[in-house]
Amino acid sequence: MKCPHCHTPELMPTMIEESLPAMGCGTCHGALVSLLYYRHWTEQTKEPESPPANTTVETTDTTEAIVCPKCSRVMTKYKISGAVSNRVDVCGTCDDAWLDGGEWELLAALRLSHKIPAILTDEWQRRILRELTADTRRSILVRSIGEAGAQRVEEFGEWLDGTGHKSHILTYLYKKK
């Protein structure tokens, strides 16, 4: 099997964690992980109780579509979180995940190494999209009225949500023009 990122070296057997085998690339340090082996690993190991020390994790992320090294079908990309741009590539046919170099360490640093099946759900992906949309809307507001103005709008919004007259107040403000 060829590396889907480098396209040159053969993938070699490796262990990304104790009891978690994968096929790894010696050049880009990516790994093809069988989700069957991964599920077994999560059942056998406990999630870390304390978060790892704040360390910077260097990663690569394949931005273009990649094909599964086993079946040559295009793999589906799943965002890991809204805080990072990295995505896990998954082959639905072979039930394998491609982790670019450093992504396993990133998952561990984000305390998501035991949550890959959750990352692959529509619910997880919709939540990330909602978070990114809210962040974008806030950025636009800050660019328009400044940080202090945006904070006042947020405070007003919180106050408005707590009143029993939200629709009346919004109608008044809208018709006030």
N, C-alpha and C. Protein backbone atom coordinates (compact mmCIF):
# COMPACT_ATOMS: atom_id res chain seq x y z
N MET A 1 0.85 -1.18 0.00
CA MET A 1 0.00 0.00 0.00
C MET A 1 0.89 1.24 0.00
N LYS A 2 0.52 2.20 -0.82
CA LYS A 2 1.25 3.47 -0.90
C LYS A 2 0.61 4.47 0.06
N CYS A 3 1.42 5.39 0.53
CA CYS A 3 0.95 6.46 1.41
C CYS A 3 0.00 7.37 0.62
N PRO A 4 -1.20 7.66 1.13
CA PRO A 4 -2.13 8.53 0.40
C PRO A 4 -1.70 10.00 0.41
N HIS A 5 -0.78 10.35 1.29
CA HIS A 5 -0.29 11.73 1.37
C HIS A 5 0.94 11.92 0.49
N CYS A 6 1.94 11.07 0.65
CA CYS A 6 3.20 11.19 -0.10
C CYS A 6 3.14 10.50 -1.46
N HIS A 7 2.36 9.46 -1.58
CA HIS A 7 2.22 8.65 -2.78
C HIS A 7 3.47 7.85 -3.13
N THR A 8 4.48 7.88 -2.30
CA THR A 8 5.70 7.17 -2.68
C THR A 8 6.02 5.99 -1.78
N PRO A 9 6.28 6.19 -0.50
CA PRO A 9 6.74 5.03 0.28
C PRO A 9 5.62 4.04 0.57
N GLU A 10 6.03 2.82 0.76
CA GLU A 10 5.09 1.80 1.19
C GLU A 10 4.77 2.03 2.66
N LEU A 11 3.53 1.81 3.03
CA LEU A 11 3.15 1.91 4.45
C LEU A 11 3.69 0.67 5.17
N MET A 12 4.21 0.90 6.36
CA MET A 12 4.83 -0.17 7.14
C MET A 12 4.08 -0.35 8.46
N PRO A 13 4.02 -1.58 8.97
CA PRO A 13 3.36 -1.80 10.26
C PRO A 13 4.04 -1.00 11.37
N THR A 14 3.20 -0.40 12.21
CA THR A 14 3.70 0.39 13.33
C THR A 14 2.66 0.34 14.45
N MET A 15 3.00 0.90 15.58
CA MET A 15 2.06 1.02 16.71
C MET A 15 1.96 2.49 17.05
N ILE A 16 0.75 3.07 16.99
CA ILE A 16 0.63 4.48 17.36
C ILE A 16 0.38 4.64 18.85
N GLU A 17 -0.05 3.59 19.48
CA GLU A 17 -0.19 3.49 20.93
C GLU A 17 0.04 2.02 21.28
N GLU A 18 0.27 1.76 22.54
CA GLU A 18 0.37 0.37 22.96
C GLU A 18 -0.95 -0.32 22.63
N SER A 19 -0.89 -1.44 21.95
CA SER A 19 -2.06 -2.23 21.54
C SER A 19 -2.90 -1.57 20.45
N LEU A 20 -2.35 -0.58 19.75
CA LEU A 20 -3.08 0.03 18.65
C LEU A 20 -2.20 0.03 17.39
N PRO A 21 -2.31 -1.05 16.60
CA PRO A 21 -1.49 -1.14 15.39
C PRO A 21 -2.02 -0.23 14.28
N ALA A 22 -1.12 0.13 13.39
CA ALA A 22 -1.47 0.94 12.24
C ALA A 22 -0.47 0.65 11.13
N MET A 23 -0.75 1.20 9.97
CA MET A 23 0.20 1.16 8.87
C MET A 23 0.72 2.58 8.72
N GLY A 24 2.03 2.78 8.95
CA GLY A 24 2.57 4.13 9.00
C GLY A 24 3.49 4.46 7.84
N CYS A 25 3.61 5.75 7.58
CA CYS A 25 4.51 6.26 6.54
C CYS A 25 5.74 6.84 7.24
N GLY A 26 6.90 6.38 6.84
CA GLY A 26 8.14 6.88 7.44
C GLY A 26 8.52 8.27 6.97
N THR A 27 7.92 8.74 5.89
CA THR A 27 8.25 10.06 5.36
C THR A 27 7.40 11.16 5.97
N CYS A 28 6.07 11.05 5.87
CA CYS A 28 5.18 12.11 6.38
C CYS A 28 4.66 11.80 7.78
N HIS A 29 4.93 10.60 8.28
CA HIS A 29 4.52 10.15 9.62
C HIS A 29 3.01 10.02 9.78
N GLY A 30 2.30 9.90 8.67
CA GLY A 30 0.87 9.62 8.73
C GLY A 30 0.65 8.15 9.06
N ALA A 31 -0.60 7.82 9.42
CA ALA A 31 -0.91 6.43 9.79
C ALA A 31 -2.31 6.06 9.36
N LEU A 32 -2.43 4.86 8.81
CA LEU A 32 -3.73 4.30 8.45
C LEU A 32 -4.13 3.38 9.59
N VAL A 33 -5.25 3.72 10.25
CA VAL A 33 -5.69 2.99 11.44
C VAL A 33 -6.99 2.27 11.12
N SER A 34 -7.01 0.98 11.38
CA SER A 34 -8.25 0.22 11.25
C SER A 34 -9.18 0.65 12.38
N LEU A 35 -10.38 1.07 12.05
CA LEU A 35 -11.31 1.49 13.10
C LEU A 35 -11.79 0.30 13.92
N LEU A 36 -11.70 -0.90 13.37
CA LEU A 36 -12.00 -2.09 14.16
C LEU A 36 -10.98 -2.26 15.28
N TYR A 37 -9.68 -2.14 14.94
CA TYR A 37 -8.63 -2.21 15.97
C TYR A 37 -8.75 -1.03 16.94
N TYR A 38 -9.11 0.13 16.41
CA TYR A 38 -9.26 1.33 17.24
C TYR A 38 -10.36 1.11 18.28
N ARG A 39 -11.51 0.59 17.84
CA ARG A 39 -12.62 0.36 18.78
C ARG A 39 -12.20 -0.62 19.88
N HIS A 40 -11.47 -1.66 19.49
CA HIS A 40 -10.97 -2.62 20.48
C HIS A 40 -10.02 -1.92 21.46
N TRP A 41 -9.15 -1.06 20.94
CA TRP A 41 -8.21 -0.32 21.78
C TRP A 41 -8.96 0.56 22.78
N THR A 42 -10.02 1.27 22.33
CA THR A 42 -10.75 2.16 23.25
C THR A 42 -11.45 1.36 24.34
N GLU A 43 -11.87 0.14 24.01
CA GLU A 43 -12.51 -0.71 25.03
C GLU A 43 -11.50 -1.21 26.06
N GLN A 44 -10.24 -1.33 25.65
CA GLN A 44 -9.21 -1.89 26.52
C GLN A 44 -8.44 -0.83 27.31
N THR A 45 -8.49 0.42 26.88
CA THR A 45 -7.73 1.48 27.56
C THR A 45 -8.69 2.53 28.10
N LYS A 46 -8.26 3.17 29.16
CA LYS A 46 -9.06 4.24 29.77
C LYS A 46 -8.64 5.58 29.20
N GLU A 47 -9.59 6.49 29.15
CA GLU A 47 -9.25 7.86 28.77
C GLU A 47 -8.39 8.46 29.86
N PRO A 48 -7.42 9.30 29.48
CA PRO A 48 -6.62 9.95 30.52
C PRO A 48 -7.51 10.82 31.40
N GLU A 49 -7.27 10.74 32.72
CA GLU A 49 -8.10 11.52 33.64
C GLU A 49 -7.73 12.99 33.65
N SER A 50 -6.46 13.28 33.51
CA SER A 50 -6.05 14.67 33.52
C SER A 50 -5.65 15.07 32.11
N PRO A 51 -5.93 16.33 31.77
CA PRO A 51 -5.54 16.78 30.43
C PRO A 51 -4.02 16.79 30.30
N PRO A 52 -3.51 16.50 29.10
CA PRO A 52 -2.07 16.56 28.92
C PRO A 52 -1.56 17.98 29.11
N ALA A 53 -0.29 18.10 29.45
CA ALA A 53 0.31 19.43 29.62
C ALA A 53 0.16 20.22 28.33
N ASN A 54 0.00 21.53 28.47
CA ASN A 54 -0.14 22.37 27.29
C ASN A 54 1.12 22.30 26.46
N THR A 55 1.05 21.51 25.42
CA THR A 55 2.18 21.39 24.52
C THR A 55 1.72 21.73 23.11
N THR A 56 2.62 22.28 22.35
CA THR A 56 2.31 22.59 20.97
C THR A 56 2.53 21.32 20.15
N VAL A 57 1.54 20.97 19.36
CA VAL A 57 1.61 19.78 18.54
C VAL A 57 1.76 20.22 17.09
N GLU A 58 2.84 19.79 16.46
CA GLU A 58 3.02 20.10 15.04
C GLU A 58 2.34 19.03 14.22
N THR A 59 1.50 19.47 13.30
CA THR A 59 0.76 18.53 12.47
C THR A 59 0.84 18.94 11.01
N THR A 60 0.51 17.99 10.18
CA THR A 60 0.28 18.29 8.78
C THR A 60 -1.18 17.94 8.53
N ASP A 61 -1.77 18.54 7.53
CA ASP A 61 -3.14 18.19 7.19
C ASP A 61 -3.25 18.14 5.68
N THR A 62 -3.70 17.01 5.17
CA THR A 62 -3.89 16.86 3.75
C THR A 62 -5.16 17.62 3.39
N THR A 63 -5.01 18.72 2.68
CA THR A 63 -6.18 19.54 2.35
C THR A 63 -6.94 19.01 1.14
N GLU A 64 -6.23 18.37 0.22
CA GLU A 64 -6.91 17.85 -0.96
C GLU A 64 -7.51 16.48 -0.64
N ALA A 65 -8.40 16.04 -1.50
CA ALA A 65 -9.02 14.72 -1.32
C ALA A 65 -7.94 13.66 -1.44
N ILE A 66 -8.03 12.66 -0.61
CA ILE A 66 -7.09 11.54 -0.72
C ILE A 66 -7.89 10.26 -0.94
N VAL A 67 -7.21 9.28 -1.49
CA VAL A 67 -7.87 8.00 -1.73
C VAL A 67 -7.36 6.97 -0.74
N CYS A 68 -8.23 6.05 -0.42
CA CYS A 68 -7.89 4.98 0.52
C CYS A 68 -6.77 4.13 -0.10
N PRO A 69 -5.72 3.87 0.67
CA PRO A 69 -4.63 3.05 0.13
C PRO A 69 -5.03 1.60 -0.13
N LYS A 70 -6.14 1.16 0.48
CA LYS A 70 -6.57 -0.23 0.29
C LYS A 70 -7.48 -0.38 -0.93
N CYS A 71 -8.51 0.46 -1.04
CA CYS A 71 -9.53 0.26 -2.08
C CYS A 71 -9.54 1.35 -3.15
N SER A 72 -8.74 2.39 -2.97
CA SER A 72 -8.63 3.51 -3.93
C SER A 72 -9.90 4.36 -4.05
N ARG A 73 -10.78 4.29 -3.08
CA ARG A 73 -11.96 5.17 -3.07
C ARG A 73 -11.60 6.46 -2.33
N VAL A 74 -12.30 7.53 -2.68
CA VAL A 74 -12.05 8.81 -2.02
C VAL A 74 -12.49 8.72 -0.56
N MET A 75 -11.63 9.19 0.32
CA MET A 75 -11.93 9.16 1.75
C MET A 75 -12.71 10.43 2.13
N THR A 76 -13.58 10.32 3.11
CA THR A 76 -14.39 11.44 3.60
C THR A 76 -13.62 12.15 4.70
N LYS A 77 -13.64 13.49 4.66
CA LYS A 77 -12.94 14.30 5.67
C LYS A 77 -13.92 14.72 6.77
N TYR A 78 -13.48 14.59 8.02
CA TYR A 78 -14.28 14.99 9.18
C TYR A 78 -13.46 15.97 10.01
N LYS A 79 -14.01 17.16 10.26
CA LYS A 79 -13.32 18.15 11.10
C LYS A 79 -13.21 17.59 12.52
N ILE A 80 -12.05 17.82 13.12
CA ILE A 80 -11.81 17.36 14.48
C ILE A 80 -12.48 18.29 15.48
N SER A 81 -12.28 19.59 15.29
CA SER A 81 -12.91 20.59 16.16
C SER A 81 -12.89 21.93 15.43
N GLY A 82 -13.59 22.89 16.00
CA GLY A 82 -13.58 24.22 15.41
C GLY A 82 -12.30 24.99 15.71
N ALA A 83 -11.54 24.51 16.68
CA ALA A 83 -10.33 25.22 17.10
C ALA A 83 -9.13 24.92 16.22
N VAL A 84 -9.18 23.80 15.48
CA VAL A 84 -8.07 23.43 14.61
C VAL A 84 -8.61 23.11 13.22
N SER A 85 -7.76 23.24 12.23
CA SER A 85 -8.21 22.98 10.86
C SER A 85 -8.03 21.53 10.44
N ASN A 86 -7.39 20.72 11.25
CA ASN A 86 -7.13 19.34 10.88
C ASN A 86 -8.41 18.53 10.75
N ARG A 87 -8.36 17.56 9.83
CA ARG A 87 -9.50 16.69 9.60
C ARG A 87 -9.01 15.24 9.53
N VAL A 88 -9.85 14.34 10.02
CA VAL A 88 -9.58 12.91 9.93
C VAL A 88 -10.20 12.43 8.62
N ASP A 89 -9.42 11.67 7.83
CA ASP A 89 -9.91 11.11 6.58
C ASP A 89 -10.35 9.67 6.83
N VAL A 90 -11.58 9.32 6.39
CA VAL A 90 -12.12 8.00 6.69
C VAL A 90 -12.62 7.33 5.41
N CYS A 91 -12.30 6.06 5.28
CA CYS A 91 -12.84 5.25 4.19
C CYS A 91 -14.01 4.46 4.76
N GLY A 92 -15.20 4.77 4.29
CA GLY A 92 -16.40 4.08 4.76
C GLY A 92 -16.47 2.64 4.28
N THR A 93 -15.77 2.32 3.20
CA THR A 93 -15.78 0.96 2.67
C THR A 93 -14.86 0.06 3.49
N CYS A 94 -13.65 0.51 3.75
CA CYS A 94 -12.66 -0.31 4.47
C CYS A 94 -12.73 -0.12 5.99
N ASP A 95 -13.45 0.90 6.45
CA ASP A 95 -13.54 1.23 7.88
C ASP A 95 -12.16 1.54 8.45
N ASP A 96 -11.41 2.36 7.70
CA ASP A 96 -10.07 2.79 8.11
C ASP A 96 -10.03 4.31 8.18
N ALA A 97 -9.18 4.83 9.04
CA ALA A 97 -8.99 6.28 9.16
C ALA A 97 -7.54 6.61 8.85
N TRP A 98 -7.32 7.68 8.08
CA TRP A 98 -5.98 8.17 7.82
C TRP A 98 -5.74 9.35 8.73
N LEU A 99 -4.68 9.26 9.52
CA LEU A 99 -4.28 10.36 10.40
C LEU A 99 -2.98 10.92 9.85
N ASP A 100 -3.02 12.19 9.44
CA ASP A 100 -1.81 12.84 8.95
C ASP A 100 -0.80 12.94 10.09
N GLY A 101 0.45 13.21 9.74
CA GLY A 101 1.51 13.30 10.73
C GLY A 101 1.14 14.27 11.85
N GLY A 102 1.21 13.80 13.09
CA GLY A 102 0.92 14.62 14.26
C GLY A 102 -0.54 14.65 14.67
N GLU A 103 -1.44 14.13 13.84
CA GLU A 103 -2.87 14.21 14.19
C GLU A 103 -3.24 13.32 15.38
N TRP A 104 -2.57 12.18 15.54
CA TRP A 104 -2.86 11.35 16.71
C TRP A 104 -2.47 12.10 17.98
N GLU A 105 -1.32 12.76 17.95
CA GLU A 105 -0.88 13.55 19.09
C GLU A 105 -1.83 14.73 19.33
N LEU A 106 -2.33 15.32 18.25
CA LEU A 106 -3.30 16.41 18.36
C LEU A 106 -4.59 15.91 19.01
N LEU A 107 -5.08 14.75 18.58
CA LEU A 107 -6.28 14.18 19.19
C LEU A 107 -6.07 13.96 20.68
N ALA A 108 -4.89 13.46 21.05
CA ALA A 108 -4.58 13.24 22.47
C ALA A 108 -4.53 14.57 23.22
N ALA A 109 -3.90 15.59 22.63
CA ALA A 109 -3.80 16.90 23.29
C ALA A 109 -5.17 17.54 23.48
N LEU A 110 -6.09 17.29 22.54
CA LEU A 110 -7.45 17.83 22.63
C LEU A 110 -8.37 16.91 23.44
N ARG A 111 -7.81 15.84 23.98
CA ARG A 111 -8.57 14.83 24.73
C ARG A 111 -9.66 14.21 23.88
N LEU A 112 -9.33 13.94 22.61
CA LEU A 112 -10.28 13.35 21.67
C LEU A 112 -9.82 11.99 21.16
N SER A 113 -8.72 11.47 21.69
CA SER A 113 -8.19 10.21 21.16
C SER A 113 -9.15 9.04 21.36
N HIS A 114 -10.04 9.11 22.32
CA HIS A 114 -11.03 8.06 22.54
C HIS A 114 -12.38 8.41 21.92
N LYS A 115 -12.44 9.47 21.12
CA LYS A 115 -13.73 9.95 20.63
C LYS A 115 -13.85 9.98 19.10
N ILE A 116 -13.01 9.24 18.40
CA ILE A 116 -13.09 9.27 16.93
C ILE A 116 -14.48 8.89 16.43
N PRO A 117 -15.14 7.85 16.96
CA PRO A 117 -16.49 7.56 16.46
C PRO A 117 -17.46 8.74 16.63
N ALA A 118 -17.33 9.50 17.70
CA ALA A 118 -18.18 10.69 17.89
C ALA A 118 -17.85 11.76 16.85
N ILE A 119 -16.56 11.93 16.54
CA ILE A 119 -16.14 12.92 15.55
C ILE A 119 -16.77 12.62 14.20
N LEU A 120 -16.99 11.36 13.91
CA LEU A 120 -17.52 10.94 12.61
C LEU A 120 -19.03 11.07 12.49
N THR A 121 -19.69 11.59 13.52
CA THR A 121 -21.16 11.70 13.47
C THR A 121 -21.60 13.04 12.89
N ASP A 122 -22.79 13.03 12.31
CA ASP A 122 -23.38 14.28 11.80
C ASP A 122 -23.56 15.29 12.92
N GLU A 123 -23.95 14.82 14.10
CA GLU A 123 -24.17 15.72 15.24
C GLU A 123 -22.89 16.49 15.58
N TRP A 124 -21.75 15.80 15.63
CA TRP A 124 -20.46 16.43 15.94
C TRP A 124 -20.12 17.47 14.88
N GLN A 125 -20.27 17.09 13.62
CA GLN A 125 -19.92 17.98 12.52
C GLN A 125 -20.84 19.20 12.48
N ARG A 126 -22.14 19.02 12.78
CA ARG A 126 -23.07 20.17 12.84
C ARG A 126 -22.71 21.10 13.99
N ARG A 127 -22.30 20.54 15.13
CA ARG A 127 -21.91 21.38 16.27
C ARG A 127 -20.70 22.24 15.91
N ILE A 128 -19.73 21.65 15.25
CA ILE A 128 -18.55 22.41 14.83
C ILE A 128 -18.96 23.52 13.87
N LEU A 129 -19.85 23.22 12.93
CA LEU A 129 -20.32 24.23 11.98
C LEU A 129 -21.05 25.36 12.70
N ARG A 130 -21.88 25.03 13.68
CA ARG A 130 -22.58 26.07 14.46
C ARG A 130 -21.58 26.96 15.19
N GLU A 131 -20.55 26.34 15.81
CA GLU A 131 -19.53 27.10 16.54
C GLU A 131 -18.77 28.03 15.59
N LEU A 132 -18.38 27.50 14.44
CA LEU A 132 -17.64 28.31 13.47
C LEU A 132 -18.51 29.45 12.93
N THR A 133 -19.77 29.18 12.71
CA THR A 133 -20.69 30.21 12.23
C THR A 133 -20.85 31.31 13.28
N ALA A 134 -21.00 30.93 14.54
CA ALA A 134 -21.13 31.92 15.62
C ALA A 134 -19.85 32.75 15.73
N ASP A 135 -18.70 32.11 15.62
CA ASP A 135 -17.43 32.84 15.68
C ASP A 135 -17.31 33.83 14.53
N THR A 136 -17.72 33.40 13.34
CA THR A 136 -17.66 34.28 12.17
C THR A 136 -18.60 35.47 12.33
N ARG A 137 -19.83 35.21 12.80
CA ARG A 137 -20.79 36.30 13.01
C ARG A 137 -20.25 37.30 14.02
N ARG A 138 -19.62 36.81 15.10
CA ARG A 138 -19.07 37.70 16.11
C ARG A 138 -17.92 38.51 15.53
N SER A 139 -17.07 37.89 14.73
CA SER A 139 -15.95 38.60 14.10
C SER A 139 -16.45 39.73 13.21
N ILE A 140 -17.49 39.46 12.46
CA ILE A 140 -18.07 40.50 11.60
C ILE A 140 -18.62 41.63 12.44
N LEU A 141 -19.28 41.30 13.54
CA LEU A 141 -19.83 42.33 14.43
C LEU A 141 -18.70 43.17 15.03
N VAL A 142 -17.62 42.52 15.47
CA VAL A 142 -16.50 43.25 16.05
C VAL A 142 -15.87 44.18 15.01
N ARG A 143 -15.72 43.71 13.79
CA ARG A 143 -15.16 44.57 12.74
C ARG A 143 -16.08 45.77 12.47
N SER A 144 -17.37 45.57 12.63
CA SER A 144 -18.33 46.65 12.34
C SER A 144 -18.42 47.67 13.46
N ILE A 145 -18.50 47.19 14.72
CA ILE A 145 -18.77 48.13 15.82
C ILE A 145 -17.70 48.09 16.92
N GLY A 146 -16.68 47.28 16.75
CA GLY A 146 -15.61 47.22 17.74
C GLY A 146 -15.92 46.21 18.85
N GLU A 147 -14.87 45.86 19.61
CA GLU A 147 -15.00 44.87 20.68
C GLU A 147 -15.94 45.34 21.79
N ALA A 148 -15.82 46.60 22.20
CA ALA A 148 -16.67 47.12 23.28
C ALA A 148 -18.14 47.09 22.85
N GLY A 149 -18.41 47.48 21.63
CA GLY A 149 -19.79 47.44 21.12
C GLY A 149 -20.32 46.03 21.04
N ALA A 150 -19.48 45.10 20.61
CA ALA A 150 -19.90 43.70 20.52
C ALA A 150 -20.22 43.14 21.91
N GLN A 151 -19.42 43.51 22.91
CA GLN A 151 -19.69 43.06 24.27
C GLN A 151 -21.03 43.62 24.76
N ARG A 152 -21.31 44.87 24.44
CA ARG A 152 -22.60 45.47 24.85
C ARG A 152 -23.76 44.75 24.18
N VAL A 153 -23.60 44.43 22.89
CA VAL A 153 -24.65 43.69 22.18
C VAL A 153 -24.88 42.33 22.84
N GLU A 154 -23.80 41.65 23.20
CA GLU A 154 -23.93 40.35 23.85
C GLU A 154 -24.61 40.47 25.21
N GLU A 155 -24.25 41.50 25.97
CA GLU A 155 -24.90 41.73 27.27
C GLU A 155 -26.38 42.01 27.08
N PHE A 156 -26.69 42.84 26.09
CA PHE A 156 -28.09 43.15 25.80
C PHE A 156 -28.83 41.87 25.40
N GLY A 157 -28.19 41.04 24.58
CA GLY A 157 -28.81 39.79 24.15
C GLY A 157 -29.10 38.87 25.32
N GLU A 158 -28.17 38.78 26.26
CA GLU A 158 -28.39 37.96 27.45
C GLU A 158 -29.54 38.52 28.28
N TRP A 159 -29.57 39.85 28.45
CA TRP A 159 -30.66 40.47 29.19
C TRP A 159 -31.99 40.21 28.47
N LEU A 160 -31.98 40.37 27.15
CA LEU A 160 -33.19 40.18 26.35
C LEU A 160 -33.72 38.76 26.47
N ASP A 161 -32.82 37.78 26.46
CA ASP A 161 -33.25 36.39 26.59
C ASP A 161 -33.89 36.12 27.95
N GLY A 162 -33.49 36.88 28.97
CA GLY A 162 -34.02 36.68 30.31
C GLY A 162 -35.36 37.36 30.56
N THR A 163 -35.74 38.26 29.69
CA THR A 163 -37.03 38.94 29.88
C THR A 163 -38.15 38.09 29.30
N GLY A 164 -39.34 38.36 29.71
CA GLY A 164 -40.49 37.68 29.14
C GLY A 164 -41.09 38.46 27.98
N HIS A 165 -40.39 39.50 27.56
CA HIS A 165 -40.96 40.40 26.55
C HIS A 165 -40.04 40.57 25.34
N LYS A 166 -39.29 39.57 25.01
CA LYS A 166 -38.31 39.66 23.93
C LYS A 166 -38.95 40.10 22.61
N SER A 167 -40.05 39.46 22.24
CA SER A 167 -40.66 39.79 20.95
C SER A 167 -41.19 41.22 20.94
N HIS A 168 -41.74 41.70 22.08
CA HIS A 168 -42.24 43.08 22.15
C HIS A 168 -41.09 44.09 22.00
N ILE A 169 -39.99 43.80 22.67
CA ILE A 169 -38.84 44.71 22.63
C ILE A 169 -38.26 44.75 21.22
N LEU A 170 -38.10 43.59 20.59
CA LEU A 170 -37.55 43.56 19.24
C LEU A 170 -38.47 44.23 18.23
N THR A 171 -39.77 44.04 18.41
CA THR A 171 -40.74 44.71 17.53
C THR A 171 -40.63 46.22 17.70
N TYR A 172 -40.54 46.68 18.95
CA TYR A 172 -40.40 48.11 19.21
C TYR A 172 -39.15 48.67 18.56
N LEU A 173 -38.02 47.99 18.76
CA LEU A 173 -36.76 48.46 18.19
C LEU A 173 -36.80 48.46 16.67
N TYR A 174 -37.42 47.47 16.09
CA TYR A 174 -37.49 47.39 14.64
C TYR A 174 -38.36 48.51 14.06
N LYS A 175 -39.48 48.79 14.72
CA LYS A 175 -40.42 49.79 14.22
C LYS A 175 -40.05 51.20 14.65
N LYS A 176 -39.05 51.35 15.51
CA LYS A 176 -38.66 52.65 16.02
C LYS A 176 -38.12 53.55 14.91
N LYS A 177 -37.56 52.97 13.86
CA LYS A 177 -36.98 53.75 12.78
C LYS A 177 -38.01 54.65 12.21
